Amino acid sequence: MKTPEKAPEKASAKEPEKASEKAPDAPKPEEKKKAAEALPEPPKDRKALEAAVKKYGVDAAIEALKKVKVVDLRSLAREFNGEFGIAGREIRNANKKVLIDEFKAFFSK
């Protein structure tokens, strides 16, 4: 008895894309690791922060600040004595996001 021949299966639309078809500008895991290693240590004071901005750039310094505790960010913000966008009680009540945004605005001038 003969078995009927099956038509070749068509590729379904739900198949994942091949690696060669992905966007070429997507960073590779090795590149992400190198970029993370290039980030400076979280700065402890104003001089260290300014040095990190000069050496690594604003974005890398901000990434390093994201690793710092809010208490330390507030102390760092107080070192800017009125040059900073917020002062006094505003610094005391500011959360991490607000402080990071203020540092970014200050160094992006």
C-alpha atoms as a PDB file:
ATOM      1  CA  MET A   1       0.000   0.000   0.000  1.00  0.00           C
ATOM      2  CA  LYS A   2       1.321   3.419  -0.940  1.00  0.00           C
ATOM      3  CA  THR A   3       1.458   6.281   1.524  1.00  0.00           C
ATOM      4  CA  PRO A   4       0.444   9.655   0.191  1.00  0.00           C
ATOM      5  CA  GLU A   5       3.279  12.191  -0.105  1.00  0.00           C
ATOM      6  CA  LYS A   6       3.064  15.156   2.150  1.00  0.00           C
ATOM      7  CA  ALA A   7       3.595  18.664   0.912  1.00  0.00           C
ATOM      8  CA  PRO A   8       6.643  20.352   2.408  1.00  0.00           C
ATOM      9  CA  GLU A   9       5.759  22.332   5.501  1.00  0.00           C
ATOM     10  CA  LYS A  10       5.834  26.084   5.153  1.00  0.00           C
ATOM     11  CA  ALA A  11       7.742  28.154   7.649  1.00  0.00           C
ATOM     12  CA  SER A  12       5.373  29.551  10.189  1.00  0.00           C
ATOM     13  CA  ALA A  13       5.241  33.259  10.848  1.00  0.00           C
ATOM     14  CA  LYS A  14       5.943  32.596  14.506  1.00  0.00           C
ATOM     15  CA  GLU A  15       9.452  31.203  13.986  1.00  0.00           C
ATOM     16  CA  PRO A  16      12.167  33.203  15.719  1.00  0.00           C
ATOM     17  CA  GLU A  17      14.460  35.348  13.608  1.00  0.00           C
ATOM     18  CA  LYS A  18      17.855  34.019  12.744  1.00  0.00           C
ATOM     19  CA  ALA A  19      20.846  35.613  14.445  1.00  0.00           C
ATOM     20  CA  SER A  20      22.036  37.034  11.134  1.00  0.00           C
ATOM     21  CA  GLU A  21      18.720  38.840  10.608  1.00  0.00           C
ATOM     22  CA  LYS A  22      18.844  40.771  13.913  1.00  0.00           C
ATOM     23  CA  ALA A  23      19.745  44.432  14.039  1.00  0.00           C
ATOM     24  CA  PRO A  24      23.493  44.816  13.462  1.00  0.00           C
ATOM     25  CA  ASP A  25      23.854  47.669  15.959  1.00  0.00           C
ATOM     26  CA  ALA A  26      22.678  45.654  18.967  1.00  0.00           C
ATOM     27  CA  PRO A  27      25.581  45.533  21.460  1.00  0.00           C
ATOM     28  CA  LYS A  28      27.138  42.160  22.085  1.00  0.00           C
ATOM     29  CA  PRO A  29      27.422  40.850  25.650  1.00  0.00           C
ATOM     30  CA  GLU A  30      31.213  41.317  25.550  1.00  0.00           C
ATOM     31  CA  GLU A  31      30.776  44.989  24.641  1.00  0.00           C
ATOM     32  CA  LYS A  32      28.311  45.512  27.497  1.00  0.00           C
ATOM     33  CA  LYS A  33      30.781  43.968  29.934  1.00  0.00           C
ATOM     34  CA  LYS A  34      33.610  46.218  28.696  1.00  0.00           C
ATOM     35  CA  ALA A  35      31.380  49.304  28.988  1.00  0.00           C
ATOM     36  CA  ALA A  36      30.457  48.351  32.543  1.00  0.00           C
ATOM     37  CA  GLU A  37      34.139  47.925  33.428  1.00  0.00           C
ATOM     38  CA  ALA A  38      34.915  51.374  32.000  1.00  0.00           C
ATOM     39  CA  LEU A  39      32.598  53.060  34.496  1.00  0.00           C
ATOM     40  CA  PRO A  40      34.392  54.887  37.265  1.00  0.00           C
ATOM     41  CA  GLU A  41      34.049  54.055  40.935  1.00  0.00           C
ATOM     42  CA  PRO A  42      31.228  55.899  42.653  1.00  0.00           C
ATOM     43  CA  PRO A  43      32.685  59.278  43.652  1.00  0.00           C
ATOM     44  CA  LYS A  44      33.013  60.076  47.348  1.00  0.00           C
ATOM     45  CA  ASP A  45      33.283  63.877  47.111  1.00  0.00           C
ATOM     46  CA  ARG A  46      32.959  66.810  44.714  1.00  0.00           C
ATOM     47  CA  LYS A  47      36.552  66.617  43.465  1.00  0.00           C
ATOM     48  CA  ALA A  48      36.208  62.923  42.668  1.00  0.00           C
ATOM     49  CA  LEU A  49      32.911  63.539  40.860  1.00  0.00           C
ATOM     50  CA  GLU A  50      34.320  66.358  38.748  1.00  0.00           C
ATOM     51  CA  ALA A  51      37.378  64.246  37.908  1.00  0.00           C
ATOM     52  CA  ALA A  52      35.115  61.345  36.843  1.00  0.00           C
ATOM     53  CA  VAL A  53      33.081  63.675  34.609  1.00  0.00           C
ATOM     54  CA  LYS A  54      36.262  64.970  32.929  1.00  0.00           C
ATOM     55  CA  LYS A  55      37.813  61.533  32.522  1.00  0.00           C
ATOM     56  CA  TYR A  56      34.802  59.366  31.630  1.00  0.00           C
ATOM     57  CA  GLY A  57      32.126  61.845  30.565  1.00  0.00           C
ATOM     58  CA  VAL A  58      28.812  62.879  32.072  1.00  0.00           C
ATOM     59  CA  ASP A  59      26.912  59.696  31.210  1.00  0.00           C
ATOM     60  CA  ALA A  60      29.467  57.355  32.769  1.00  0.00           C
ATOM     61  CA  ALA A  61      29.700  59.498  35.896  1.00  0.00           C
ATOM     62  CA  ILE A  62      25.913  59.493  36.235  1.00  0.00           C
ATOM     63  CA  GLU A  63      25.887  55.702  35.898  1.00  0.00           C
ATOM     64  CA  ALA A  64      28.429  55.542  38.714  1.00  0.00           C
ATOM     65  CA  LEU A  65      26.242  57.840  40.848  1.00  0.00           C
ATOM     66  CA  LYS A  66      23.343  55.421  40.448  1.00  0.00           C
ATOM     67  CA  LYS A  67      25.303  52.953  42.591  1.00  0.00           C
ATOM     68  CA  VAL A  68      25.621  55.437  45.460  1.00  0.00           C
ATOM     69  CA  LYS A  69      23.239  55.464  48.432  1.00  0.00           C
ATOM     70  CA  VAL A  70      20.752  58.335  48.662  1.00  0.00           C
ATOM     71  CA  VAL A  71      22.327  59.569  51.906  1.00  0.00           C
ATOM     72  CA  ASP A  72      25.700  59.885  50.186  1.00  0.00           C
ATOM     73  CA  LEU A  73      24.127  61.598  47.163  1.00  0.00           C
ATOM     74  CA  ARG A  74      22.567  64.175  49.469  1.00  0.00           C
ATOM     75  CA  SER A  75      25.928  64.842  51.121  1.00  0.00           C
ATOM     76  CA  LEU A  76      27.535  65.184  47.714  1.00  0.00           C
ATOM     77  CA  ALA A  77      24.813  67.608  46.590  1.00  0.00           C
ATOM     78  CA  ARG A  78      25.426  69.775  49.672  1.00  0.00           C
ATOM     79  CA  GLU A  79      29.072  70.194  48.635  1.00  0.00           C
ATOM     80  CA  PHE A  80      27.948  72.256  45.649  1.00  0.00           C
ATOM     81  CA  ASN A  81      26.844  75.191  47.933  1.00  0.00           C
ATOM     82  CA  GLY A  82      24.102  76.879  45.933  1.00  0.00           C
ATOM     83  CA  GLU A  83      25.545  76.015  42.506  1.00  0.00           C
ATOM     84  CA  PHE A  84      23.225  73.044  42.455  1.00  0.00           C
ATOM     85  CA  GLY A  85      19.602  73.333  41.272  1.00  0.00           C
ATOM     86  CA  ILE A  86      18.212  72.479  44.716  1.00  0.00           C
ATOM     87  CA  ALA A  87      19.359  73.357  48.229  1.00  0.00           C
ATOM     88  CA  GLY A  88      18.532  72.967  51.911  1.00  0.00           C
ATOM     89  CA  ARG A  89      15.268  71.177  52.601  1.00  0.00           C
ATOM     90  CA  GLU A  90      14.873  70.236  48.959  1.00  0.00           C
ATOM     91  CA  ILE A  91      18.070  68.190  49.187  1.00  0.00           C
ATOM     92  CA  ARG A  92      16.968  66.674  52.490  1.00  0.00           C
ATOM     93  CA  ASN A  93      13.636  65.545  51.007  1.00  0.00           C
ATOM     94  CA  ALA A  94      14.914  64.593  47.536  1.00  0.00           C
ATOM     95  CA  ASN A  95      14.831  60.970  46.452  1.00  0.00           C
ATOM     96  CA  LYS A  96      17.532  59.285  44.403  1.00  0.00           C
ATOM     97  CA  LYS A  97      15.920  60.007  41.028  1.00  0.00           C
ATOM     98  CA  VAL A  98      15.622  63.730  41.748  1.00  0.00           C
ATOM     99  CA  LEU A  99      19.230  63.936  42.895  1.00  0.00           C
ATOM    100  CA  ILE A 100      20.523  62.031  39.854  1.00  0.00           C
ATOM    101  CA  ASP A 101      18.483  64.305  37.563  1.00  0.00           C
ATOM    102  CA  GLU A 102      19.938  67.386  39.259  1.00  0.00           C
ATOM    103  CA  PHE A 103      23.507  66.092  38.879  1.00  0.00           C
ATOM    104  CA  LYS A 104      22.824  65.344  35.220  1.00  0.00           C
ATOM    105  CA  ALA A 105      21.424  68.847  34.651  1.00  0.00           C
ATOM    106  CA  PHE A 106      24.332  70.447  36.517  1.00  0.00           C
ATOM    107  CA  PHE A 107      27.024  68.686  34.487  1.00  0.00           C
ATOM    108  CA  SER A 108      25.185  68.973  31.154  1.00  0.00           C
ATOM    109  CA  LYS A 109      25.424  72.794  31.213  1.00  0.00           C
END
